[in-house]
Amino acid sequence: MTILITGATRGIGAGLAAHYKDQGHEVFGTGRSPMADIQLDVTHPHDHSAMAASLGDRALDLLVCNAGVYLDKHDDLETGFGADLWAHSFATNVTGVFLAIQALLPHLRRAQSPKIAIISSQMASSELARGGSYIYRASKAAALNLGRNLATDLKGEGIAVGIYHPGWVQTSMGGNMAAITVDEAVMGLVGRFAALDIATTGCFETWDGRAHPY
């Protein structure tokens, strides 16, 4: 398989890239760091065009939209949640996902059974509204909505779209007290991506295979 993973220089993205490379797949990991296979700031439209051009005429079997930020973790309702945080969070967590998919559609269309995996969060769920983190919750809910609608529009082309909660993971975003390791999240997500097909397109699932409430 040929796989592209955004936000692949650390955390879950790096873990996924390492796993797939170990399995012998052709993997392109993006990031803002020079360490990335492809340098990509998902908030810059021209970076997406350059990323697509760098793939040449390859068929892309799996696109994992993993890049994301959580900028309002410690903000309070009275003084926090500034407009700049809203703008940057949505540019990264929502627009960046859409631009990556849009840019890479020609490559996905060349594959036999192409798949798109969008990393959202349990915090996207309107049924689990526990307050706080308004920007992150809203942006991940928007990413979930985006994935669901893309699944509808791309189904006729045979492109499956899945949306996933990766678990509360021990990364710089999740913190040391998180419930699962990066390796546990990676192995769970790899299984979810493998199971994704047109019959399940539009699914919102947890890393360990449970249907997640919307």
N, C-alpha and C. Protein backbone atom coordinates (compact mmCIF):
# COMPACT_ATOMS: atom_id res chain seq x y z
N MET A 1 0.83 -1.20 0.00
CA MET A 1 0.00 0.00 0.00
C MET A 1 0.87 1.25 0.00
N THR A 2 0.32 2.32 -0.54
CA THR A 2 0.92 3.64 -0.42
C THR A 2 0.04 4.44 0.52
N ILE A 3 0.66 5.00 1.55
CA ILE A 3 -0.06 5.64 2.65
C ILE A 3 0.53 7.02 2.89
N LEU A 4 -0.33 8.01 3.11
CA LEU A 4 0.14 9.33 3.52
C LEU A 4 -0.54 9.69 4.83
N ILE A 5 0.27 10.17 5.79
CA ILE A 5 -0.21 10.50 7.13
C ILE A 5 0.18 11.94 7.43
N THR A 6 -0.78 12.80 7.70
CA THR A 6 -0.45 14.17 8.08
C THR A 6 -0.14 14.21 9.58
N GLY A 7 0.72 15.14 9.96
CA GLY A 7 1.11 15.26 11.37
C GLY A 7 1.84 14.03 11.85
N ALA A 8 2.86 13.60 11.10
CA ALA A 8 3.49 12.30 11.36
C ALA A 8 4.87 12.39 12.00
N THR A 9 5.23 13.54 12.55
CA THR A 9 6.56 13.67 13.15
C THR A 9 6.56 13.43 14.65
N ARG A 10 5.40 13.19 15.25
CA ARG A 10 5.35 12.91 16.68
C ARG A 10 4.03 12.22 17.01
N GLY A 11 3.95 11.69 18.20
CA GLY A 11 2.70 11.14 18.72
C GLY A 11 2.12 10.01 17.88
N ILE A 12 0.80 10.03 17.75
CA ILE A 12 0.09 8.97 17.04
C ILE A 12 0.51 8.90 15.58
N GLY A 13 0.68 10.05 14.95
CA GLY A 13 1.06 10.07 13.55
C GLY A 13 2.40 9.40 13.31
N ALA A 14 3.38 9.71 14.18
CA ALA A 14 4.70 9.08 14.07
C ALA A 14 4.60 7.58 14.31
N GLY A 15 3.77 7.19 15.28
CA GLY A 15 3.59 5.77 15.57
C GLY A 15 2.98 5.02 14.40
N LEU A 16 1.98 5.62 13.77
CA LEU A 16 1.35 4.99 12.60
C LEU A 16 2.35 4.87 11.45
N ALA A 17 3.11 5.93 11.21
CA ALA A 17 4.08 5.91 10.12
C ALA A 17 5.12 4.81 10.35
N ALA A 18 5.62 4.71 11.57
CA ALA A 18 6.63 3.69 11.88
C ALA A 18 6.07 2.29 11.69
N HIS A 19 4.84 2.08 12.15
CA HIS A 19 4.21 0.76 12.01
C HIS A 19 4.08 0.36 10.55
N TYR A 20 3.54 1.25 9.75
CA TYR A 20 3.32 0.90 8.35
C TYR A 20 4.64 0.72 7.59
N LYS A 21 5.64 1.51 7.94
CA LYS A 21 6.96 1.32 7.31
C LYS A 21 7.54 -0.03 7.68
N ASP A 22 7.38 -0.42 8.95
CA ASP A 22 7.88 -1.72 9.39
C ASP A 22 7.19 -2.86 8.65
N GLN A 23 5.94 -2.62 8.23
CA GLN A 23 5.19 -3.63 7.50
C GLN A 23 5.53 -3.65 6.01
N GLY A 24 6.42 -2.76 5.59
CA GLY A 24 6.87 -2.77 4.20
C GLY A 24 6.07 -1.89 3.25
N HIS A 25 5.18 -1.06 3.80
CA HIS A 25 4.39 -0.18 2.94
C HIS A 25 5.17 1.08 2.58
N GLU A 26 4.77 1.70 1.50
CA GLU A 26 5.34 3.00 1.13
C GLU A 26 4.59 4.07 1.90
N VAL A 27 5.29 4.78 2.77
CA VAL A 27 4.66 5.72 3.68
C VAL A 27 5.26 7.11 3.50
N PHE A 28 4.39 8.09 3.41
CA PHE A 28 4.80 9.49 3.40
C PHE A 28 4.20 10.16 4.63
N GLY A 29 5.07 10.65 5.49
CA GLY A 29 4.62 11.36 6.68
C GLY A 29 4.86 12.84 6.52
N THR A 30 3.84 13.65 6.81
CA THR A 30 3.99 15.09 6.65
C THR A 30 4.12 15.76 8.01
N GLY A 31 4.66 16.97 7.97
CA GLY A 31 4.79 17.77 9.18
C GLY A 31 5.50 19.07 8.85
N ARG A 32 5.52 19.96 9.82
CA ARG A 32 6.21 21.24 9.62
C ARG A 32 7.71 21.11 9.85
N SER A 33 8.13 20.03 10.47
CA SER A 33 9.52 19.81 10.79
C SER A 33 10.31 19.33 9.57
N PRO A 34 11.59 19.69 9.48
CA PRO A 34 12.44 19.14 8.41
C PRO A 34 12.58 17.63 8.49
N MET A 35 12.22 17.02 9.64
CA MET A 35 12.26 15.57 9.79
C MET A 35 11.20 14.87 8.96
N ALA A 36 10.17 15.60 8.55
CA ALA A 36 9.05 14.98 7.83
C ALA A 36 9.47 14.54 6.43
N ASP A 37 8.85 13.48 5.94
CA ASP A 37 9.07 13.06 4.56
C ASP A 37 8.64 14.15 3.58
N ILE A 38 7.52 14.78 3.91
CA ILE A 38 6.97 15.89 3.12
C ILE A 38 6.69 17.03 4.09
N GLN A 39 7.25 18.19 3.83
CA GLN A 39 6.96 19.33 4.70
C GLN A 39 5.61 19.91 4.34
N LEU A 40 4.75 20.01 5.36
CA LEU A 40 3.38 20.48 5.14
C LEU A 40 2.89 21.21 6.38
N ASP A 41 2.54 22.46 6.20
CA ASP A 41 1.76 23.18 7.20
C ASP A 41 0.33 23.14 6.68
N VAL A 42 -0.53 22.41 7.37
CA VAL A 42 -1.88 22.16 6.83
C VAL A 42 -2.71 23.42 6.72
N THR A 43 -2.26 24.53 7.34
CA THR A 43 -3.00 25.79 7.24
C THR A 43 -2.62 26.58 6.00
N HIS A 44 -1.62 26.10 5.22
CA HIS A 44 -1.15 26.82 4.04
C HIS A 44 -1.62 26.10 2.77
N PRO A 45 -2.55 26.67 2.04
CA PRO A 45 -3.07 25.99 0.84
C PRO A 45 -1.99 25.59 -0.17
N HIS A 46 -0.98 26.45 -0.35
CA HIS A 46 0.05 26.12 -1.36
C HIS A 46 0.87 24.91 -0.94
N ASP A 47 0.99 24.66 0.37
CA ASP A 47 1.70 23.46 0.83
C ASP A 47 0.99 22.19 0.38
N HIS A 48 -0.34 22.23 0.37
CA HIS A 48 -1.11 21.06 -0.06
C HIS A 48 -0.87 20.78 -1.54
N SER A 49 -0.83 21.83 -2.34
CA SER A 49 -0.56 21.65 -3.77
C SER A 49 0.82 21.05 -3.99
N ALA A 50 1.81 21.54 -3.23
CA ALA A 50 3.17 21.02 -3.35
C ALA A 50 3.24 19.56 -2.91
N MET A 51 2.50 19.23 -1.84
CA MET A 51 2.46 17.85 -1.36
C MET A 51 1.92 16.92 -2.45
N ALA A 52 0.81 17.32 -3.05
CA ALA A 52 0.21 16.48 -4.10
C ALA A 52 1.16 16.32 -5.27
N ALA A 53 1.83 17.41 -5.66
CA ALA A 53 2.77 17.34 -6.78
C ALA A 53 3.94 16.42 -6.48
N SER A 54 4.37 16.38 -5.22
CA SER A 54 5.52 15.55 -4.85
C SER A 54 5.22 14.06 -4.98
N LEU A 55 3.95 13.69 -4.99
CA LEU A 55 3.58 12.28 -5.12
C LEU A 55 3.57 11.81 -6.57
N GLY A 56 3.73 12.72 -7.49
CA GLY A 56 3.72 12.34 -8.90
C GLY A 56 2.40 11.71 -9.29
N ASP A 57 2.46 10.58 -9.99
CA ASP A 57 1.23 9.91 -10.44
C ASP A 57 0.91 8.68 -9.60
N ARG A 58 1.42 8.64 -8.36
CA ARG A 58 1.15 7.49 -7.49
C ARG A 58 -0.34 7.35 -7.20
N ALA A 59 -0.77 6.12 -7.01
CA ALA A 59 -2.08 5.84 -6.45
C ALA A 59 -1.95 5.82 -4.93
N LEU A 60 -2.86 6.47 -4.24
CA LEU A 60 -2.81 6.55 -2.78
C LEU A 60 -3.90 5.67 -2.19
N ASP A 61 -3.48 4.64 -1.46
CA ASP A 61 -4.44 3.68 -0.91
C ASP A 61 -5.09 4.17 0.38
N LEU A 62 -4.32 4.88 1.20
CA LEU A 62 -4.84 5.32 2.50
C LEU A 62 -4.29 6.71 2.83
N LEU A 63 -5.20 7.63 3.10
CA LEU A 63 -4.85 8.96 3.60
C LEU A 63 -5.34 9.06 5.04
N VAL A 64 -4.41 9.33 5.96
CA VAL A 64 -4.76 9.50 7.37
C VAL A 64 -4.60 10.98 7.72
N CYS A 65 -5.71 11.64 7.99
CA CYS A 65 -5.70 13.06 8.36
C CYS A 65 -5.59 13.14 9.88
N ASN A 66 -4.35 13.26 10.35
CA ASN A 66 -4.06 13.19 11.77
C ASN A 66 -3.62 14.52 12.37
N ALA A 67 -3.09 15.44 11.57
CA ALA A 67 -2.56 16.69 12.09
C ALA A 67 -3.65 17.46 12.84
N GLY A 68 -3.32 17.96 14.01
CA GLY A 68 -4.30 18.71 14.79
C GLY A 68 -3.66 19.44 15.95
N VAL A 69 -4.39 20.41 16.49
CA VAL A 69 -3.93 21.18 17.64
C VAL A 69 -5.04 21.24 18.68
N TYR A 70 -4.61 21.44 19.93
CA TYR A 70 -5.52 21.60 21.07
C TYR A 70 -5.00 22.80 21.86
N LEU A 71 -5.47 23.98 21.49
CA LEU A 71 -4.88 25.22 21.98
C LEU A 71 -5.61 25.82 23.19
N ASP A 72 -6.80 25.34 23.50
CA ASP A 72 -7.60 25.98 24.55
C ASP A 72 -7.80 25.09 25.77
N LYS A 73 -6.88 24.15 25.97
CA LYS A 73 -7.03 23.15 27.03
C LYS A 73 -7.22 23.78 28.41
N HIS A 74 -6.51 24.86 28.68
CA HIS A 74 -6.54 25.45 30.02
C HIS A 74 -7.25 26.80 30.07
N ASP A 75 -7.97 27.16 29.01
CA ASP A 75 -8.65 28.46 28.99
C ASP A 75 -9.89 28.45 29.87
N ASP A 76 -10.22 29.62 30.42
CA ASP A 76 -11.44 29.74 31.23
C ASP A 76 -12.46 30.58 30.49
N LEU A 77 -13.71 30.37 30.83
CA LEU A 77 -14.82 30.97 30.09
C LEU A 77 -14.80 32.49 30.14
N GLU A 78 -14.36 33.05 31.27
CA GLU A 78 -14.42 34.50 31.44
C GLU A 78 -13.38 35.24 30.62
N THR A 79 -12.18 34.70 30.50
CA THR A 79 -11.09 35.46 29.88
C THR A 79 -10.42 34.74 28.70
N GLY A 80 -10.72 33.48 28.48
CA GLY A 80 -10.01 32.71 27.47
C GLY A 80 -10.74 32.60 26.15
N PHE A 81 -10.31 31.63 25.34
CA PHE A 81 -10.94 31.31 24.07
C PHE A 81 -10.93 32.49 23.09
N GLY A 82 -9.74 33.08 22.93
CA GLY A 82 -9.60 34.23 22.05
C GLY A 82 -9.86 33.91 20.60
N ALA A 83 -10.20 34.95 19.84
CA ALA A 83 -10.53 34.77 18.43
C ALA A 83 -9.38 34.16 17.65
N ASP A 84 -8.14 34.47 18.04
CA ASP A 84 -6.99 33.90 17.33
C ASP A 84 -6.92 32.40 17.51
N LEU A 85 -7.30 31.90 18.70
CA LEU A 85 -7.30 30.46 18.94
C LEU A 85 -8.37 29.77 18.11
N TRP A 86 -9.54 30.39 18.02
CA TRP A 86 -10.59 29.84 17.18
C TRP A 86 -10.12 29.72 15.72
N ALA A 87 -9.53 30.81 15.22
CA ALA A 87 -9.12 30.84 13.82
C ALA A 87 -8.05 29.78 13.53
N HIS A 88 -7.03 29.71 14.37
CA HIS A 88 -5.94 28.77 14.10
C HIS A 88 -6.40 27.32 14.29
N SER A 89 -7.23 27.08 15.30
CA SER A 89 -7.70 25.71 15.55
C SER A 89 -8.54 25.20 14.39
N PHE A 90 -9.44 26.02 13.88
CA PHE A 90 -10.28 25.57 12.77
C PHE A 90 -9.46 25.47 11.48
N ALA A 91 -8.48 26.37 11.30
CA ALA A 91 -7.63 26.28 10.12
C ALA A 91 -6.86 24.97 10.10
N THR A 92 -6.46 24.50 11.28
CA THR A 92 -5.69 23.25 11.37
C THR A 92 -6.59 22.02 11.39
N ASN A 93 -7.56 22.01 12.29
CA ASN A 93 -8.33 20.80 12.57
C ASN A 93 -9.46 20.53 11.58
N VAL A 94 -9.86 21.55 10.85
CA VAL A 94 -10.98 21.38 9.91
C VAL A 94 -10.56 21.70 8.48
N THR A 95 -10.19 22.96 8.25
CA THR A 95 -9.80 23.35 6.90
C THR A 95 -8.60 22.54 6.42
N GLY A 96 -7.65 22.30 7.30
CA GLY A 96 -6.47 21.52 6.93
C GLY A 96 -6.81 20.11 6.50
N VAL A 97 -7.81 19.52 7.15
CA VAL A 97 -8.27 18.18 6.77
C VAL A 97 -8.89 18.23 5.37
N PHE A 98 -9.76 19.21 5.16
CA PHE A 98 -10.42 19.31 3.86
C PHE A 98 -9.42 19.55 2.74
N LEU A 99 -8.47 20.47 2.96
CA LEU A 99 -7.51 20.79 1.91
C LEU A 99 -6.63 19.59 1.54
N ALA A 100 -6.27 18.80 2.55
CA ALA A 100 -5.46 17.60 2.27
C ALA A 100 -6.25 16.61 1.42
N ILE A 101 -7.50 16.39 1.78
CA ILE A 101 -8.34 15.46 1.01
C ILE A 101 -8.56 15.98 -0.40
N GLN A 102 -8.87 17.25 -0.51
CA GLN A 102 -9.11 17.85 -1.83
C GLN A 102 -7.89 17.73 -2.73
N ALA A 103 -6.72 18.01 -2.17
CA ALA A 103 -5.49 17.98 -2.96
C ALA A 103 -5.13 16.57 -3.42
N LEU A 104 -5.48 15.58 -2.59
CA LEU A 104 -5.04 14.21 -2.86
C LEU A 104 -6.13 13.34 -3.50
N LEU A 105 -7.27 13.92 -3.81
CA LEU A 105 -8.33 13.14 -4.46
C LEU A 105 -7.87 12.47 -5.76
N PRO A 106 -7.12 13.15 -6.61
CA PRO A 106 -6.67 12.46 -7.84
C PRO A 106 -5.84 11.21 -7.55
N HIS A 107 -5.04 11.24 -6.50
CA HIS A 107 -4.21 10.09 -6.13
C HIS A 107 -5.06 8.98 -5.52
N LEU A 108 -6.04 9.36 -4.72
CA LEU A 108 -6.96 8.37 -4.15
C LEU A 108 -7.76 7.68 -5.24
N ARG A 109 -8.16 8.45 -6.24
CA ARG A 109 -8.98 7.89 -7.32
C ARG A 109 -8.22 6.88 -8.17
N ARG A 110 -6.89 6.89 -8.10
CA ARG A 110 -6.09 5.93 -8.85
C ARG A 110 -5.99 4.58 -8.15
N ALA A 111 -6.34 4.53 -6.87
CA ALA A 111 -6.22 3.29 -6.10
C ALA A 111 -7.44 2.40 -6.32
N GLN A 112 -7.29 1.11 -6.03
CA GLN A 112 -8.39 0.16 -6.23
C GLN A 112 -9.46 0.28 -5.15
N SER A 113 -9.04 0.39 -3.90
CA SER A 113 -10.00 0.50 -2.78
C SER A 113 -9.52 1.59 -1.82
N PRO A 114 -9.56 2.84 -2.25
CA PRO A 114 -8.98 3.92 -1.45
C PRO A 114 -9.77 4.22 -0.18
N LYS A 115 -9.02 4.68 0.83
CA LYS A 115 -9.63 4.98 2.12
C LYS A 115 -9.09 6.30 2.67
N ILE A 116 -9.96 7.01 3.37
CA ILE A 116 -9.59 8.22 4.10
C ILE A 116 -9.96 8.02 5.56
N ALA A 117 -9.00 8.21 6.45
CA ALA A 117 -9.22 8.12 7.88
C ALA A 117 -9.02 9.49 8.50
N ILE A 118 -10.04 10.00 9.17
CA ILE A 118 -9.96 11.30 9.83
C ILE A 118 -9.89 11.09 11.33
N ILE A 119 -8.82 11.58 11.95
CA ILE A 119 -8.69 11.47 13.41
C ILE A 119 -9.45 12.62 14.04
N SER A 120 -10.56 12.31 14.67
CA SER A 120 -11.36 13.30 15.39
C SER A 120 -11.12 13.09 16.88
N SER A 121 -12.16 12.97 17.67
CA SER A 121 -12.03 12.80 19.11
C SER A 121 -13.39 12.50 19.71
N GLN A 122 -13.39 11.86 20.87
CA GLN A 122 -14.65 11.69 21.60
C GLN A 122 -15.23 13.05 21.99
N MET A 123 -14.37 14.07 22.03
CA MET A 123 -14.83 15.41 22.38
C MET A 123 -15.63 16.06 21.26
N ALA A 124 -15.73 15.39 20.10
CA ALA A 124 -16.59 15.86 19.01
C ALA A 124 -18.05 15.54 19.27
N SER A 125 -18.31 14.60 20.16
CA SER A 125 -19.66 14.08 20.36
C SER A 125 -20.57 15.10 21.05
N SER A 126 -21.73 15.39 20.43
CA SER A 126 -22.71 16.27 21.07
C SER A 126 -23.47 15.55 22.18
N GLU A 127 -23.41 14.21 22.16
CA GLU A 127 -24.07 13.44 23.22
C GLU A 127 -23.21 13.34 24.48
N LEU A 128 -21.93 13.67 24.36
CA LEU A 128 -21.03 13.62 25.51
C LEU A 128 -20.49 15.02 25.78
N ALA A 129 -21.40 15.98 25.90
CA ALA A 129 -21.02 17.38 26.08
C ALA A 129 -20.72 17.64 27.55
N ARG A 130 -19.44 17.60 27.89
CA ARG A 130 -19.04 17.72 29.29
C ARG A 130 -18.51 19.10 29.64
N GLY A 131 -18.63 20.05 28.74
CA GLY A 131 -18.23 21.41 29.01
C GLY A 131 -16.75 21.66 28.80
N GLY A 132 -16.40 22.95 28.70
CA GLY A 132 -15.01 23.36 28.55
C GLY A 132 -14.44 23.01 27.19
N SER A 133 -13.20 23.43 26.95
CA SER A 133 -12.48 23.15 25.69
C SER A 133 -13.37 23.41 24.48
N TYR A 134 -14.03 24.56 24.49
CA TYR A 134 -15.05 24.83 23.48
C TYR A 134 -14.48 24.82 22.06
N ILE A 135 -13.29 25.36 21.91
CA ILE A 135 -12.71 25.45 20.56
C ILE A 135 -12.34 24.07 20.04
N TYR A 136 -11.64 23.31 20.86
CA TYR A 136 -11.23 21.98 20.43
C TYR A 136 -12.45 21.12 20.15
N ARG A 137 -13.43 21.14 21.06
CA ARG A 137 -14.65 20.35 20.86
C ARG A 137 -15.34 20.73 19.56
N ALA A 138 -15.49 22.03 19.33
CA ALA A 138 -16.20 22.50 18.13
C ALA A 138 -15.44 22.13 16.86
N SER A 139 -14.11 22.25 16.89
CA SER A 139 -13.34 21.93 15.69
C SER A 139 -13.38 20.43 15.39
N LYS A 140 -13.32 19.60 16.42
CA LYS A 140 -13.37 18.16 16.19
C LYS A 140 -14.78 17.72 15.78
N ALA A 141 -15.80 18.42 16.28
CA ALA A 141 -17.16 18.14 15.82
C ALA A 141 -17.31 18.51 14.35
N ALA A 142 -16.68 19.60 13.95
CA ALA A 142 -16.71 20.00 12.54
C ALA A 142 -15.98 18.99 11.67
N ALA A 143 -14.86 18.46 12.17
CA ALA A 143 -14.13 17.44 11.41
C ALA A 143 -14.97 16.18 11.25
N LEU A 144 -15.71 15.83 12.29
CA LEU A 144 -16.62 14.68 12.22
C LEU A 144 -17.70 14.93 11.18
N ASN A 145 -18.30 16.11 11.20
CA ASN A 145 -19.34 16.45 10.24
C ASN A 145 -18.79 16.44 8.81
N LEU A 146 -17.59 16.97 8.65
CA LEU A 146 -16.93 16.97 7.35
C LEU A 146 -16.76 15.54 6.84
N GLY A 147 -16.27 14.66 7.70
CA GLY A 147 -16.06 13.28 7.31
C GLY A 147 -17.34 12.58 6.92
N ARG A 148 -18.39 12.82 7.67
CA ARG A 148 -19.67 12.19 7.37
C ARG A 148 -20.20 12.63 6.00
N ASN A 149 -20.07 13.91 5.70
CA ASN A 149 -20.57 14.41 4.42
C ASN A 149 -19.68 13.98 3.26
N LEU A 150 -18.37 13.94 3.47
CA LEU A 150 -17.49 13.42 2.44
C LEU A 150 -17.79 11.95 2.14
N ALA A 151 -18.10 11.20 3.18
CA ALA A 151 -18.45 9.79 2.98
C ALA A 151 -19.64 9.65 2.04
N THR A 152 -20.61 10.53 2.18
CA THR A 152 -21.78 10.51 1.30
C THR A 152 -21.38 10.84 -0.13
N ASP A 153 -20.58 11.89 -0.31
CA ASP A 153 -20.25 12.35 -1.66
C ASP A 153 -19.27 11.43 -2.38
N LEU A 154 -18.41 10.76 -1.64
CA LEU A 154 -17.37 9.93 -2.26
C LEU A 154 -17.74 8.45 -2.37
N LYS A 155 -18.87 8.08 -1.78
CA LYS A 155 -19.26 6.67 -1.80
C LYS A 155 -19.41 6.14 -3.21
N GLY A 156 -20.00 6.94 -4.08
CA GLY A 156 -20.20 6.50 -5.46
C GLY A 156 -18.91 6.27 -6.22
N GLU A 157 -17.82 6.87 -5.75
CA GLU A 157 -16.51 6.68 -6.38
C GLU A 157 -15.73 5.53 -5.74
N GLY A 158 -16.33 4.90 -4.74
CA GLY A 158 -15.65 3.79 -4.08
C GLY A 158 -14.60 4.21 -3.08
N ILE A 159 -14.64 5.48 -2.63
CA ILE A 159 -13.69 5.98 -1.62
C ILE A 159 -14.37 5.95 -0.27
N ALA A 160 -13.85 5.12 0.64
CA ALA A 160 -14.43 4.98 1.97
C ALA A 160 -13.81 6.00 2.93
N VAL A 161 -14.65 6.55 3.79
CA VAL A 161 -14.21 7.55 4.77
C VAL A 161 -14.62 7.10 6.17
N GLY A 162 -13.66 7.05 7.07
CA GLY A 162 -13.94 6.72 8.46
C GLY A 162 -13.45 7.83 9.38
N ILE A 163 -14.16 8.03 10.48
CA ILE A 163 -13.79 9.04 11.47
C ILE A 163 -13.55 8.32 12.79
N TYR A 164 -12.47 8.71 13.50
CA TYR A 164 -12.03 7.89 14.64
C TYR A 164 -11.66 8.71 15.87
N HIS A 165 -12.04 8.17 17.02
CA HIS A 165 -11.53 8.63 18.31
C HIS A 165 -10.32 7.75 18.64
N PRO A 166 -9.11 8.34 18.73
CA PRO A 166 -7.92 7.51 18.90
C PRO A 166 -7.67 7.03 20.31
N GLY A 167 -8.56 7.40 21.23
CA GLY A 167 -8.32 7.10 22.64
C GLY A 167 -7.67 8.29 23.33
N TRP A 168 -7.64 8.22 24.65
CA TRP A 168 -6.90 9.22 25.44
C TRP A 168 -5.48 8.68 25.53
N VAL A 169 -4.58 9.29 24.77
CA VAL A 169 -3.28 8.70 24.48
C VAL A 169 -2.16 9.49 25.16
N GLN A 170 -1.15 8.76 25.62
CA GLN A 170 -0.01 9.36 26.30
C GLN A 170 0.92 10.04 25.29
N THR A 171 0.51 11.24 24.88
CA THR A 171 1.31 12.08 23.98
C THR A 171 1.45 13.45 24.63
N SER A 172 2.13 14.36 23.93
CA SER A 172 2.24 15.71 24.47
C SER A 172 0.87 16.36 24.58
N MET A 173 -0.06 16.00 23.74
CA MET A 173 -1.41 16.53 23.82
C MET A 173 -2.21 15.85 24.92
N GLY A 174 -2.11 14.53 25.00
CA GLY A 174 -2.91 13.78 25.97
C GLY A 174 -2.36 13.81 27.38
N GLY A 175 -1.05 13.97 27.52
CA GLY A 175 -0.43 14.02 28.84
C GLY A 175 -0.03 12.65 29.35
N ASN A 176 0.80 12.66 30.38
CA ASN A 176 1.34 11.41 30.93
C ASN A 176 0.31 10.56 31.65
N MET A 177 -0.80 11.15 32.08
CA MET A 177 -1.82 10.43 32.82
C MET A 177 -2.86 9.78 31.92
N ALA A 178 -2.68 9.91 30.62
CA ALA A 178 -3.66 9.36 29.67
C ALA A 178 -3.77 7.85 29.82
N ALA A 179 -4.87 7.31 29.29
CA ALA A 179 -5.25 5.92 29.56
C ALA A 179 -4.47 4.89 28.77
N ILE A 180 -4.03 5.22 27.55
CA ILE A 180 -3.37 4.22 26.72
C ILE A 180 -2.08 4.79 26.12
N THR A 181 -1.20 3.89 25.72
CA THR A 181 0.06 4.28 25.10
C THR A 181 -0.15 4.55 23.60
N VAL A 182 0.86 5.17 23.01
CA VAL A 182 0.83 5.38 21.57
C VAL A 182 0.75 4.05 20.84
N ASP A 183 1.51 3.06 21.28
CA ASP A 183 1.49 1.75 20.62
C ASP A 183 0.10 1.12 20.65
N GLU A 184 -0.59 1.24 21.80
CA GLU A 184 -1.95 0.69 21.89
C GLU A 184 -2.89 1.41 20.94
N ALA A 185 -2.79 2.73 20.88
CA ALA A 185 -3.64 3.49 19.97
C ALA A 185 -3.35 3.12 18.52
N VAL A 186 -2.07 3.00 18.20
CA VAL A 186 -1.69 2.68 16.82
C VAL A 186 -2.23 1.32 16.40
N MET A 187 -2.05 0.31 17.22
CA MET A 187 -2.52 -1.02 16.85
C MET A 187 -4.03 -1.05 16.70
N GLY A 188 -4.73 -0.33 17.55
CA GLY A 188 -6.18 -0.26 17.43
C GLY A 188 -6.61 0.44 16.15
N LEU A 189 -5.99 1.57 15.88
CA LEU A 189 -6.36 2.33 14.69
C LEU A 189 -6.02 1.58 13.40
N VAL A 190 -4.88 0.91 13.38
CA VAL A 190 -4.52 0.11 12.20
C VAL A 190 -5.61 -0.92 11.91
N GLY A 191 -6.13 -1.53 12.95
CA GLY A 191 -7.22 -2.48 12.77
C GLY A 191 -8.49 -1.83 12.24
N ARG A 192 -8.77 -0.63 12.73
CA ARG A 192 -9.96 0.08 12.26
C ARG A 192 -9.82 0.47 10.79
N PHE A 193 -8.65 0.94 10.41
CA PHE A 193 -8.44 1.34 9.02
C PHE A 193 -8.54 0.13 8.08
N ALA A 194 -8.02 -1.00 8.53
CA ALA A 194 -8.08 -2.21 7.71
C ALA A 194 -9.53 -2.66 7.50
N ALA A 195 -10.36 -2.47 8.52
CA ALA A 195 -11.75 -2.92 8.44
C ALA A 195 -12.64 -1.96 7.66
N LEU A 196 -12.19 -0.72 7.48
CA LEU A 196 -13.00 0.27 6.78
C LEU A 196 -13.23 -0.13 5.33
N ASP A 197 -14.47 -0.05 4.88
CA ASP A 197 -14.79 -0.26 3.47
C ASP A 197 -16.04 0.52 3.13
N ILE A 198 -16.51 0.38 1.92
CA ILE A 198 -17.68 1.14 1.49
C ILE A 198 -18.91 0.81 2.32
N ALA A 199 -18.99 -0.41 2.79
CA ALA A 199 -20.15 -0.80 3.61
C ALA A 199 -20.18 -0.06 4.93
N THR A 200 -19.03 0.36 5.44
CA THR A 200 -18.97 1.04 6.74
C THR A 200 -18.59 2.51 6.61
N THR A 201 -18.53 3.03 5.38
CA THR A 201 -18.12 4.41 5.20
C THR A 201 -19.02 5.37 5.99
N GLY A 202 -18.40 6.40 6.54
CA GLY A 202 -19.11 7.35 7.39
C GLY A 202 -19.13 6.98 8.85
N CYS A 203 -18.48 5.86 9.21
CA CYS A 203 -18.48 5.40 10.60
C CYS A 203 -17.73 6.37 11.50
N PHE A 204 -18.16 6.43 12.76
CA PHE A 204 -17.44 7.15 13.82
C PHE A 204 -17.16 6.11 14.89
N GLU A 205 -15.89 5.70 15.01
CA GLU A 205 -15.53 4.59 15.87
C GLU A 205 -14.40 4.96 16.81
N THR A 206 -14.31 4.22 17.91
CA THR A 206 -13.20 4.35 18.83
C THR A 206 -12.03 3.50 18.34
N TRP A 207 -10.87 3.78 18.87
CA TRP A 207 -9.65 3.05 18.49
C TRP A 207 -9.78 1.54 18.68
N ASP A 208 -10.62 1.13 19.65
CA ASP A 208 -10.75 -0.30 19.93
C ASP A 208 -12.01 -0.91 19.32
N GLY A 209 -12.61 -0.23 18.34
CA GLY A 209 -13.64 -0.85 17.53
C GLY A 209 -15.07 -0.68 17.97
N ARG A 210 -15.32 0.23 18.90
CA ARG A 210 -16.71 0.47 19.32
C ARG A 210 -17.31 1.63 18.52
N ALA A 211 -18.58 1.49 18.17
CA ALA A 211 -19.27 2.62 17.53
C ALA A 211 -19.37 3.75 18.55
N HIS A 212 -19.02 4.96 18.12
CA HIS A 212 -19.01 6.09 19.04
C HIS A 212 -20.29 6.89 18.89
N PRO A 213 -20.90 7.34 20.00
CA PRO A 213 -22.10 8.18 19.90
C PRO A 213 -21.76 9.52 19.26
N TYR A 214 -22.68 9.98 18.43
CA TYR A 214 -22.49 11.27 17.77
C TYR A 214 -22.86 12.41 18.69
